[in-house]
Amino acid sequence: MTRLVLLAVSAFAVLTVHSPPARVGVEATEFHLVLSRASVKAGPVVIELQNGGEDVHDLRLRRIGGKRTYVFPLTGPGVRSTRRVRLVPGRYRLWCSVSDHAHLGMRAVLRVRR
């Protein structure tokens, strides 16, 4: 019986540790940000910024009420930037910080659920 319990706990640990991270695509164009999904599960998340526009764009990500801002570099037209982050539950604002791009509409909200 002890061997069976140990085997079950080990199998659970392997499945938990090796779960792939959630993925979110962010398409940046003049002057919009479009998310590939509206929400993800908390934990590791791979965020991929794809610049489909003609101008250089970047991406900022911050939990509403939080202080930490995740920063993606300036990304040229046709180029992709990828970053892996660990997100806790909440709503996150995403925006392009280049010039007045956020004011012109380059912003979105991602929900991170438990």
N, C-alpha and C. Protein backbone atom coordinates (compact mmCIF):
# COMPACT_ATOMS: atom_id res chain seq x y z
N MET A 1 0.82 -1.19 0.00
CA MET A 1 0.00 0.00 0.00
C MET A 1 0.87 1.26 0.00
N THR A 2 1.93 1.27 0.81
CA THR A 2 2.82 2.42 0.87
C THR A 2 3.48 2.66 -0.48
N ARG A 3 3.86 1.59 -1.15
CA ARG A 3 4.49 1.70 -2.46
C ARG A 3 3.52 2.33 -3.48
N LEU A 4 2.24 1.95 -3.40
CA LEU A 4 1.22 2.48 -4.31
C LEU A 4 1.02 3.98 -4.08
N VAL A 5 0.96 4.41 -2.82
CA VAL A 5 0.79 5.83 -2.48
C VAL A 5 2.00 6.61 -2.96
N LEU A 6 3.19 6.09 -2.73
CA LEU A 6 4.41 6.75 -3.18
C LEU A 6 4.43 6.88 -4.70
N LEU A 7 4.02 5.88 -5.40
CA LEU A 7 3.96 5.91 -6.85
C LEU A 7 2.96 6.97 -7.33
N ALA A 8 1.81 7.06 -6.70
CA ALA A 8 0.78 8.04 -7.08
C ALA A 8 1.29 9.46 -6.82
N VAL A 9 1.93 9.70 -5.69
CA VAL A 9 2.47 11.02 -5.38
C VAL A 9 3.57 11.39 -6.37
N SER A 10 4.43 10.45 -6.71
CA SER A 10 5.50 10.71 -7.68
C SER A 10 4.94 11.04 -9.06
N ALA A 11 3.92 10.32 -9.49
CA ALA A 11 3.30 10.58 -10.78
C ALA A 11 2.67 11.96 -10.80
N PHE A 12 2.01 12.37 -9.72
CA PHE A 12 1.41 13.69 -9.64
C PHE A 12 2.48 14.77 -9.71
N ALA A 13 3.58 14.58 -9.00
CA ALA A 13 4.67 15.57 -8.99
C ALA A 13 5.26 15.73 -10.39
N VAL A 14 5.43 14.65 -11.12
CA VAL A 14 5.97 14.72 -12.47
C VAL A 14 5.01 15.48 -13.38
N LEU A 15 3.72 15.20 -13.29
CA LEU A 15 2.74 15.89 -14.12
C LEU A 15 2.68 17.38 -13.79
N THR A 16 2.79 17.72 -12.50
CA THR A 16 2.72 19.11 -12.07
C THR A 16 3.95 19.88 -12.53
N VAL A 17 5.12 19.34 -12.37
CA VAL A 17 6.36 20.02 -12.70
C VAL A 17 6.51 20.20 -14.21
N HIS A 18 6.05 19.26 -15.00
CA HIS A 18 6.28 19.30 -16.44
C HIS A 18 5.11 19.84 -17.25
N SER A 19 4.14 20.48 -16.58
CA SER A 19 3.05 21.08 -17.32
C SER A 19 3.59 22.22 -18.17
N PRO A 20 3.20 22.29 -19.42
CA PRO A 20 3.71 23.37 -20.27
C PRO A 20 3.11 24.71 -19.83
N PRO A 21 3.85 25.80 -20.02
CA PRO A 21 3.31 27.10 -19.65
C PRO A 21 2.17 27.50 -20.59
N ALA A 22 1.30 28.35 -20.09
CA ALA A 22 0.26 28.93 -20.95
C ALA A 22 0.96 29.84 -21.97
N ARG A 23 0.31 30.06 -23.10
CA ARG A 23 0.88 30.92 -24.14
C ARG A 23 -0.15 31.98 -24.53
N VAL A 24 0.34 33.20 -24.73
CA VAL A 24 -0.51 34.29 -25.19
C VAL A 24 0.22 35.02 -26.31
N GLY A 25 -0.44 35.13 -27.44
CA GLY A 25 0.09 35.92 -28.54
C GLY A 25 -0.48 37.32 -28.46
N VAL A 26 0.38 38.32 -28.72
CA VAL A 26 -0.06 39.71 -28.75
C VAL A 26 0.33 40.27 -30.11
N GLU A 27 -0.66 40.58 -30.93
CA GLU A 27 -0.43 41.15 -32.26
C GLU A 27 -0.48 42.67 -32.13
N ALA A 28 0.62 43.33 -32.50
CA ALA A 28 0.70 44.79 -32.43
C ALA A 28 0.65 45.37 -33.84
N THR A 29 -0.30 46.25 -34.06
CA THR A 29 -0.39 46.98 -35.32
C THR A 29 -0.75 48.42 -34.98
N GLU A 30 -0.76 49.28 -35.95
CA GLU A 30 -1.12 50.68 -35.71
C GLU A 30 -2.64 50.79 -35.68
N PHE A 31 -3.27 51.14 -34.65
CA PHE A 31 -2.80 51.33 -33.28
C PHE A 31 -3.68 50.44 -32.41
N HIS A 32 -3.40 49.15 -32.44
CA HIS A 32 -4.18 48.15 -31.71
C HIS A 32 -3.25 47.08 -31.13
N LEU A 33 -3.70 46.50 -30.02
CA LEU A 33 -3.11 45.26 -29.49
C LEU A 33 -4.23 44.24 -29.47
N VAL A 34 -3.99 43.08 -30.08
CA VAL A 34 -4.98 42.01 -30.10
C VAL A 34 -4.38 40.78 -29.44
N LEU A 35 -5.06 40.29 -28.39
CA LEU A 35 -4.59 39.11 -27.67
C LEU A 35 -5.16 37.86 -28.31
N SER A 36 -4.38 36.79 -28.31
CA SER A 36 -4.84 35.51 -28.86
C SER A 36 -5.85 34.84 -27.93
N ARG A 37 -5.88 35.23 -26.68
CA ARG A 37 -6.84 34.72 -25.70
C ARG A 37 -7.05 35.77 -24.63
N ALA A 38 -8.25 35.76 -24.02
CA ALA A 38 -8.61 36.78 -23.04
C ALA A 38 -8.12 36.44 -21.63
N SER A 39 -7.86 35.14 -21.37
CA SER A 39 -7.44 34.76 -20.03
C SER A 39 -6.53 33.54 -20.08
N VAL A 40 -5.72 33.41 -19.03
CA VAL A 40 -4.84 32.25 -18.86
C VAL A 40 -4.86 31.85 -17.39
N LYS A 41 -4.38 30.65 -17.12
CA LYS A 41 -4.25 30.17 -15.75
C LYS A 41 -2.98 30.77 -15.13
N ALA A 42 -3.03 31.05 -13.84
CA ALA A 42 -1.87 31.58 -13.12
C ALA A 42 -0.69 30.61 -13.21
N GLY A 43 0.51 31.16 -13.16
CA GLY A 43 1.73 30.36 -13.24
C GLY A 43 2.60 30.84 -14.38
N PRO A 44 3.43 29.96 -14.92
CA PRO A 44 4.31 30.38 -16.01
C PRO A 44 3.50 30.64 -17.28
N VAL A 45 3.82 31.76 -17.92
CA VAL A 45 3.13 32.16 -19.15
C VAL A 45 4.18 32.64 -20.14
N VAL A 46 4.09 32.16 -21.36
CA VAL A 46 4.94 32.65 -22.44
C VAL A 46 4.12 33.67 -23.22
N ILE A 47 4.64 34.88 -23.29
CA ILE A 47 3.97 35.95 -24.02
C ILE A 47 4.81 36.27 -25.25
N GLU A 48 4.14 36.25 -26.39
CA GLU A 48 4.83 36.47 -27.67
C GLU A 48 4.25 37.71 -28.33
N LEU A 49 5.08 38.75 -28.44
CA LEU A 49 4.70 39.98 -29.12
C LEU A 49 5.08 39.86 -30.59
N GLN A 50 4.11 39.96 -31.46
CA GLN A 50 4.35 39.92 -32.90
C GLN A 50 4.01 41.30 -33.46
N ASN A 51 5.00 41.98 -34.02
CA ASN A 51 4.76 43.30 -34.59
C ASN A 51 4.31 43.12 -36.03
N GLY A 52 3.02 43.27 -36.26
CA GLY A 52 2.46 43.17 -37.59
C GLY A 52 2.25 44.52 -38.24
N GLY A 53 2.76 45.56 -37.59
CA GLY A 53 2.58 46.91 -38.11
C GLY A 53 3.77 47.40 -38.90
N GLU A 54 3.76 48.68 -39.17
CA GLU A 54 4.85 49.32 -39.93
C GLU A 54 5.79 50.11 -39.03
N ASP A 55 5.36 50.39 -37.80
CA ASP A 55 6.17 51.14 -36.85
C ASP A 55 6.81 50.20 -35.83
N VAL A 56 7.80 50.71 -35.12
CA VAL A 56 8.41 49.97 -34.02
C VAL A 56 7.45 50.02 -32.84
N HIS A 57 7.27 48.89 -32.15
CA HIS A 57 6.42 48.81 -30.96
C HIS A 57 7.15 48.07 -29.86
N ASP A 58 6.69 48.26 -28.63
CA ASP A 58 7.16 47.46 -27.50
C ASP A 58 5.93 47.00 -26.73
N LEU A 59 6.15 46.39 -25.59
CA LEU A 59 5.03 45.92 -24.79
C LEU A 59 5.39 46.06 -23.32
N ARG A 60 4.44 46.55 -22.56
CA ARG A 60 4.54 46.61 -21.11
C ARG A 60 3.36 45.82 -20.55
N LEU A 61 3.59 45.19 -19.39
CA LEU A 61 2.59 44.33 -18.76
C LEU A 61 2.66 44.56 -17.26
N ARG A 62 1.52 44.94 -16.63
CA ARG A 62 1.49 45.15 -15.18
C ARG A 62 0.12 44.75 -14.63
N ARG A 63 0.15 44.03 -13.51
CA ARG A 63 -1.10 43.65 -12.85
C ARG A 63 -1.75 44.91 -12.30
N ILE A 64 -3.06 45.03 -12.50
CA ILE A 64 -3.79 46.19 -11.99
C ILE A 64 -3.68 46.17 -10.47
N GLY A 65 -3.17 47.25 -9.90
CA GLY A 65 -2.92 47.33 -8.47
C GLY A 65 -1.52 46.87 -8.09
N GLY A 66 -0.77 46.32 -9.04
CA GLY A 66 0.58 45.84 -8.78
C GLY A 66 1.62 46.91 -9.06
N LYS A 67 2.86 46.62 -8.73
CA LYS A 67 3.96 47.57 -8.93
C LYS A 67 4.97 47.11 -9.97
N ARG A 68 5.04 45.81 -10.21
CA ARG A 68 6.04 45.28 -11.13
C ARG A 68 5.56 45.40 -12.57
N THR A 69 6.44 45.92 -13.42
CA THR A 69 6.12 46.03 -14.84
C THR A 69 7.08 45.14 -15.62
N TYR A 70 6.52 44.24 -16.42
CA TYR A 70 7.32 43.41 -17.31
C TYR A 70 7.53 44.21 -18.59
N VAL A 71 8.77 44.21 -19.08
CA VAL A 71 9.12 45.04 -20.23
C VAL A 71 9.60 44.17 -21.39
N PHE A 72 8.99 44.37 -22.54
CA PHE A 72 9.45 43.75 -23.78
C PHE A 72 10.22 44.82 -24.56
N PRO A 73 11.26 44.44 -25.26
CA PRO A 73 12.07 45.43 -25.98
C PRO A 73 11.34 46.01 -27.19
N LEU A 74 11.91 47.08 -27.71
CA LEU A 74 11.42 47.62 -28.98
C LEU A 74 11.49 46.51 -30.01
N THR A 75 10.42 46.34 -30.76
CA THR A 75 10.32 45.25 -31.72
C THR A 75 9.95 45.85 -33.07
N GLY A 76 10.79 45.61 -34.06
CA GLY A 76 10.59 46.17 -35.39
C GLY A 76 9.48 45.48 -36.16
N PRO A 77 9.06 46.10 -37.25
CA PRO A 77 8.02 45.51 -38.10
C PRO A 77 8.39 44.11 -38.56
N GLY A 78 7.44 43.18 -38.44
CA GLY A 78 7.67 41.81 -38.87
C GLY A 78 8.50 40.98 -37.92
N VAL A 79 8.85 41.53 -36.77
CA VAL A 79 9.72 40.84 -35.81
C VAL A 79 8.88 40.38 -34.61
N ARG A 80 9.35 39.34 -33.95
CA ARG A 80 8.67 38.74 -32.80
C ARG A 80 9.59 38.79 -31.58
N SER A 81 9.02 39.15 -30.42
CA SER A 81 9.74 39.12 -29.14
C SER A 81 8.98 38.20 -28.20
N THR A 82 9.70 37.33 -27.51
CA THR A 82 9.07 36.37 -26.62
C THR A 82 9.66 36.51 -25.22
N ARG A 83 8.80 36.41 -24.23
CA ARG A 83 9.27 36.48 -22.85
C ARG A 83 8.44 35.52 -22.01
N ARG A 84 9.10 34.83 -21.10
CA ARG A 84 8.42 33.92 -20.16
C ARG A 84 8.34 34.64 -18.82
N VAL A 85 7.13 34.69 -18.26
CA VAL A 85 6.90 35.35 -16.99
C VAL A 85 6.06 34.43 -16.10
N ARG A 86 6.06 34.71 -14.82
CA ARG A 86 5.20 33.97 -13.87
C ARG A 86 4.17 34.97 -13.37
N LEU A 87 2.89 34.70 -13.66
CA LEU A 87 1.83 35.62 -13.31
C LEU A 87 0.94 35.06 -12.21
N VAL A 88 0.56 35.93 -11.29
CA VAL A 88 -0.37 35.57 -10.22
C VAL A 88 -1.77 35.99 -10.67
N PRO A 89 -2.81 35.45 -10.02
CA PRO A 89 -4.17 35.81 -10.44
C PRO A 89 -4.44 37.31 -10.37
N GLY A 90 -5.23 37.77 -11.30
CA GLY A 90 -5.60 39.18 -11.34
C GLY A 90 -5.82 39.62 -12.78
N ARG A 91 -6.03 40.91 -12.97
CA ARG A 91 -6.16 41.49 -14.31
C ARG A 91 -4.89 42.27 -14.60
N TYR A 92 -4.38 42.10 -15.81
CA TYR A 92 -3.13 42.73 -16.22
C TYR A 92 -3.38 43.69 -17.38
N ARG A 93 -2.80 44.87 -17.28
CA ARG A 93 -2.85 45.82 -18.38
C ARG A 93 -1.65 45.59 -19.27
N LEU A 94 -1.87 45.62 -20.56
CA LEU A 94 -0.81 45.54 -21.55
C LEU A 94 -0.89 46.81 -22.38
N TRP A 95 0.25 47.38 -22.73
CA TRP A 95 0.26 48.58 -23.54
C TRP A 95 1.59 48.75 -24.25
N CYS A 96 1.56 49.52 -25.33
CA CYS A 96 2.78 49.91 -26.04
C CYS A 96 3.20 51.25 -25.47
N SER A 97 4.45 51.35 -25.01
CA SER A 97 4.91 52.59 -24.38
C SER A 97 5.59 53.55 -25.36
N VAL A 98 5.63 53.20 -26.63
CA VAL A 98 6.25 54.07 -27.62
C VAL A 98 5.36 55.30 -27.83
N SER A 99 5.95 56.48 -27.70
CA SER A 99 5.28 57.75 -27.99
C SER A 99 3.87 57.77 -27.39
N ASP A 100 2.85 58.06 -28.19
CA ASP A 100 1.48 58.12 -27.70
C ASP A 100 0.66 56.91 -28.16
N HIS A 101 1.33 55.79 -28.44
CA HIS A 101 0.66 54.61 -28.98
C HIS A 101 -0.44 54.08 -28.05
N ALA A 102 -0.21 54.05 -26.74
CA ALA A 102 -1.24 53.56 -25.80
C ALA A 102 -2.46 54.46 -25.86
N HIS A 103 -2.23 55.75 -25.89
CA HIS A 103 -3.34 56.71 -25.97
C HIS A 103 -4.14 56.52 -27.26
N LEU A 104 -3.47 56.11 -28.33
CA LEU A 104 -4.12 55.91 -29.62
C LEU A 104 -4.84 54.56 -29.73
N GLY A 105 -4.73 53.71 -28.70
CA GLY A 105 -5.48 52.46 -28.71
C GLY A 105 -4.66 51.19 -28.52
N MET A 106 -3.35 51.31 -28.37
CA MET A 106 -2.51 50.11 -28.21
C MET A 106 -2.48 49.70 -26.74
N ARG A 107 -3.60 49.14 -26.30
CA ARG A 107 -3.71 48.66 -24.93
C ARG A 107 -4.73 47.52 -24.90
N ALA A 108 -4.58 46.66 -23.89
CA ALA A 108 -5.46 45.51 -23.74
C ALA A 108 -5.42 45.06 -22.29
N VAL A 109 -6.32 44.15 -21.93
CA VAL A 109 -6.36 43.59 -20.57
C VAL A 109 -6.37 42.07 -20.68
N LEU A 110 -5.52 41.42 -19.89
CA LEU A 110 -5.44 39.97 -19.80
C LEU A 110 -5.88 39.55 -18.41
N ARG A 111 -6.78 38.60 -18.32
CA ARG A 111 -7.22 38.07 -17.02
C ARG A 111 -6.43 36.81 -16.72
N VAL A 112 -5.85 36.75 -15.51
CA VAL A 112 -5.12 35.57 -15.06
C VAL A 112 -5.95 34.96 -13.92
N ARG A 113 -6.41 33.73 -14.14
CA ARG A 113 -7.29 33.07 -13.17
C ARG A 113 -6.51 32.03 -12.36
N ARG A 114 -7.11 31.66 -11.27
CA ARG A 114 -6.50 30.65 -10.38
C ARG A 114 -6.43 29.31 -11.07
